[in-house]
N, C-alpha and C. Protein backbone atom coordinates (compact mmCIF):
# COMPACT_ATOMS: atom_id res chain seq x y z
N MET A 1 -225.43 118.23 -0.92
CA MET A 1 -225.01 116.86 -1.26
C MET A 1 -223.35 116.49 -1.13
N THR A 2 -223.05 115.62 -0.53
CA THR A 2 -221.55 115.34 -0.56
C THR A 2 -221.00 114.28 -1.30
N PHE A 3 -219.83 114.17 -1.66
CA PHE A 3 -219.25 113.28 -2.48
C PHE A 3 -217.99 112.74 -1.81
N CYS A 4 -217.81 111.35 -1.89
CA CYS A 4 -216.51 110.66 -1.46
C CYS A 4 -215.80 110.38 -2.58
N LEU A 5 -214.52 110.61 -2.31
CA LEU A 5 -213.26 110.43 -3.44
C LEU A 5 -211.95 109.94 -2.74
N THR A 6 -211.47 108.95 -3.49
CA THR A 6 -210.13 108.46 -3.11
C THR A 6 -209.19 109.07 -4.04
N LEU A 7 -208.03 109.77 -3.53
CA LEU A 7 -206.88 110.29 -4.28
C LEU A 7 -205.79 109.64 -4.13
N LEU A 8 -205.18 108.84 -5.01
CA LEU A 8 -203.81 108.32 -4.82
C LEU A 8 -202.78 109.17 -5.68
N LEU A 9 -201.73 109.36 -4.77
CA LEU A 9 -200.70 110.23 -5.36
C LEU A 9 -199.42 109.41 -5.58
N TYR A 10 -198.80 109.91 -6.50
CA TYR A 10 -197.48 109.12 -6.79
C TYR A 10 -196.21 110.21 -6.90
N GLY A 11 -195.05 109.81 -6.23
CA GLY A 11 -193.84 110.80 -6.28
C GLY A 11 -193.35 110.72 -4.89
N PRO A 12 -192.20 111.45 -4.90
CA PRO A 12 -191.48 111.64 -3.74
C PRO A 12 -192.31 112.09 -2.50
N ALA A 13 -191.62 111.82 -1.42
CA ALA A 13 -192.42 112.18 -0.12
C ALA A 13 -192.67 113.71 -0.05
N ASP A 14 -191.81 114.52 -0.32
CA ASP A 14 -191.73 115.95 -0.18
C ASP A 14 -193.02 116.56 -1.27
N ALA A 15 -192.99 115.94 -2.40
CA ALA A 15 -194.22 116.12 -3.50
C ALA A 15 -195.39 115.86 -2.92
N LEU A 16 -195.53 114.73 -2.10
CA LEU A 16 -196.60 114.24 -1.67
C LEU A 16 -197.19 115.24 -0.53
N GLU A 17 -196.46 115.78 0.23
CA GLU A 17 -196.68 116.55 1.22
C GLU A 17 -197.02 117.68 0.89
N THR A 18 -196.49 118.54 -0.29
CA THR A 18 -197.19 119.69 -0.92
C THR A 18 -198.39 119.39 -1.48
N ALA A 19 -198.39 118.27 -2.20
CA ALA A 19 -199.69 118.08 -3.08
C ALA A 19 -201.00 117.97 -1.86
N ARG A 20 -200.73 117.27 -0.73
CA ARG A 20 -201.58 117.16 0.49
C ARG A 20 -202.06 118.53 0.80
N GLY A 21 -201.14 119.66 1.02
CA GLY A 21 -201.53 120.80 1.41
C GLY A 21 -202.43 121.64 0.23
N ILE A 22 -202.27 121.37 -0.83
CA ILE A 22 -202.85 122.07 -1.96
C ILE A 22 -204.29 121.48 -1.62
N VAL A 23 -204.57 120.10 -1.86
CA VAL A 23 -205.85 119.52 -1.85
C VAL A 23 -206.63 119.80 -0.47
N GLU A 24 -205.90 120.05 0.64
CA GLU A 24 -206.62 120.20 2.01
C GLU A 24 -207.04 121.72 2.00
N ASN A 25 -206.56 122.63 1.09
CA ASN A 25 -206.80 123.99 1.14
C ASN A 25 -208.03 124.37 0.10
N MET A 26 -208.24 123.32 -0.74
CA MET A 26 -209.29 123.32 -1.75
C MET A 26 -210.66 123.83 -0.96
N PRO A 27 -211.45 124.87 -1.50
CA PRO A 27 -212.72 125.18 -1.05
C PRO A 27 -213.81 123.99 -1.07
N GLN A 28 -213.65 123.09 -2.16
CA GLN A 28 -214.54 121.82 -2.13
C GLN A 28 -214.30 120.75 -1.19
N VAL A 29 -213.19 120.68 -0.43
CA VAL A 29 -212.73 119.75 0.38
C VAL A 29 -213.45 120.04 1.78
N ARG A 30 -214.19 119.15 2.23
CA ARG A 30 -214.64 119.38 3.67
C ARG A 30 -214.11 118.49 4.72
N ARG A 31 -213.32 117.30 4.30
CA ARG A 31 -212.59 116.59 5.09
C ARG A 31 -211.63 115.61 4.37
N VAL A 32 -210.40 115.35 5.12
CA VAL A 32 -209.48 114.74 4.48
C VAL A 32 -208.87 113.61 5.30
N ASP A 33 -208.88 112.43 4.94
CA ASP A 33 -208.17 111.26 5.76
C ASP A 33 -206.87 110.86 4.93
N CYS A 34 -205.80 110.84 5.40
CA CYS A 34 -204.72 110.47 4.92
C CYS A 34 -204.02 109.09 5.39
N SER A 35 -203.49 108.40 4.57
CA SER A 35 -202.83 107.10 4.78
C SER A 35 -201.53 107.72 5.69
N ALA A 36 -200.89 106.76 6.20
CA ALA A 36 -199.57 106.91 6.97
C ALA A 36 -198.57 107.46 5.98
N ASP A 37 -198.57 106.92 4.83
CA ASP A 37 -197.27 107.14 3.93
C ASP A 37 -197.70 108.42 3.14
N GLY A 38 -198.96 109.03 3.17
CA GLY A 38 -199.22 110.17 2.47
C GLY A 38 -199.68 109.76 1.05
N MET A 39 -199.67 108.62 0.55
CA MET A 39 -200.08 108.52 -0.88
C MET A 39 -201.62 108.30 -1.07
N GLN A 40 -202.41 108.03 -0.04
CA GLN A 40 -203.83 107.63 -0.32
C GLN A 40 -204.32 108.93 0.65
N MET A 41 -205.41 109.60 -0.13
CA MET A 41 -206.12 110.44 0.53
C MET A 41 -207.65 110.21 0.22
N ARG A 42 -208.41 110.05 1.45
CA ARG A 42 -209.89 109.97 1.27
C ARG A 42 -210.59 111.21 1.50
N LEU A 43 -211.34 111.85 0.39
CA LEU A 43 -211.85 113.11 0.53
C LEU A 43 -213.33 113.10 0.64
N LEU A 44 -213.92 114.10 1.45
CA LEU A 44 -215.16 114.40 1.59
C LEU A 44 -215.37 115.65 1.08
N LEU A 45 -216.09 115.85 -0.09
CA LEU A 45 -216.37 117.05 -0.90
C LEU A 45 -217.59 117.72 -0.94
N SER A 46 -217.72 118.96 -1.06
CA SER A 46 -219.14 119.51 -1.27
C SER A 46 -219.64 119.48 -2.74
N GLU A 47 -218.68 119.26 -3.97
CA GLU A 47 -218.73 119.16 -5.05
C GLU A 47 -218.01 118.12 -5.82
N ARG A 48 -218.30 117.56 -6.76
CA ARG A 48 -217.39 116.76 -7.45
C ARG A 48 -216.19 117.15 -7.97
N LEU A 49 -214.83 116.39 -8.08
CA LEU A 49 -213.73 116.97 -8.53
C LEU A 49 -213.42 116.12 -9.71
N GLY A 50 -212.66 116.50 -10.79
CA GLY A 50 -212.31 115.62 -11.75
C GLY A 50 -210.76 115.75 -11.89
N GLU A 51 -210.25 114.75 -12.90
CA GLU A 51 -208.88 115.12 -13.31
C GLU A 51 -208.67 116.43 -13.91
N ASN A 52 -209.35 116.73 -14.76
CA ASN A 52 -209.12 117.97 -15.27
C ASN A 52 -208.87 119.21 -14.41
N SER A 53 -209.75 119.34 -13.35
CA SER A 53 -209.35 120.46 -12.38
C SER A 53 -208.29 120.06 -11.50
N LEU A 54 -207.88 118.75 -11.30
CA LEU A 54 -206.72 118.73 -10.37
C LEU A 54 -205.24 118.65 -11.07
N ILE A 55 -205.21 118.34 -12.40
CA ILE A 55 -204.09 118.51 -13.01
C ILE A 55 -203.25 119.68 -12.99
N PRO A 56 -204.00 120.97 -13.21
CA PRO A 56 -203.07 122.32 -13.02
C PRO A 56 -202.80 122.80 -11.68
N LEU A 57 -203.66 122.12 -10.59
CA LEU A 57 -203.49 122.41 -9.21
C LEU A 57 -202.15 121.60 -8.70
N LEU A 58 -202.23 120.40 -9.15
CA LEU A 58 -201.25 119.43 -8.55
C LEU A 58 -199.86 119.53 -9.34
N ALA A 59 -199.88 120.11 -10.51
CA ALA A 59 -198.76 120.19 -11.26
C ALA A 59 -197.35 120.98 -10.48
N PRO A 60 -197.61 121.99 -9.88
CA PRO A 60 -196.45 122.66 -9.22
C PRO A 60 -195.97 121.93 -8.00
N SER A 61 -196.74 120.86 -7.56
CA SER A 61 -196.46 120.14 -6.24
C SER A 61 -195.21 119.13 -6.62
N GLY A 62 -194.96 118.82 -7.76
CA GLY A 62 -194.02 117.80 -8.24
C GLY A 62 -194.37 116.31 -8.16
N VAL A 63 -195.58 116.13 -8.08
CA VAL A 63 -196.17 114.68 -7.87
C VAL A 63 -195.83 114.26 -9.50
N SER A 64 -195.44 112.73 -9.28
CA SER A 64 -195.43 112.25 -10.84
C SER A 64 -196.54 111.76 -11.51
N GLY A 65 -197.76 111.69 -10.64
CA GLY A 65 -198.90 111.18 -11.16
C GLY A 65 -200.17 111.27 -9.94
N PHE A 66 -201.21 111.04 -10.39
CA PHE A 66 -202.38 110.53 -9.45
C PHE A 66 -203.45 110.02 -10.26
N ARG A 67 -204.37 109.26 -9.18
CA ARG A 67 -205.35 108.56 -9.57
C ARG A 67 -206.35 108.85 -8.79
N LEU A 68 -207.78 109.00 -9.34
CA LEU A 68 -208.93 109.07 -8.64
C LEU A 68 -209.76 107.86 -8.57
N ILE A 69 -210.64 107.51 -7.71
CA ILE A 69 -211.24 106.35 -7.26
C ILE A 69 -212.60 107.10 -6.75
N ASP A 70 -213.60 106.92 -7.47
CA ASP A 70 -215.00 107.27 -7.04
C ASP A 70 -215.31 106.15 -5.84
N GLN A 71 -215.99 106.68 -4.80
CA GLN A 71 -216.51 105.92 -3.90
C GLN A 71 -218.03 105.68 -4.05
């Protein structure tokens, strides 16, 4: 089963790029489509992701926040 999720990232451009790299390398992520500004990522996942699993992963990237939107 696959899941679709939109991830909105907030912060400076370098932090967004770092966060994008972290998310792209997660084992649950099968496909990533990014907006031109890097703030919006549409994810195709092999299993659901929640805020609790993303907070510790994205904290070192320097993003100031994020929002998940289920599709």
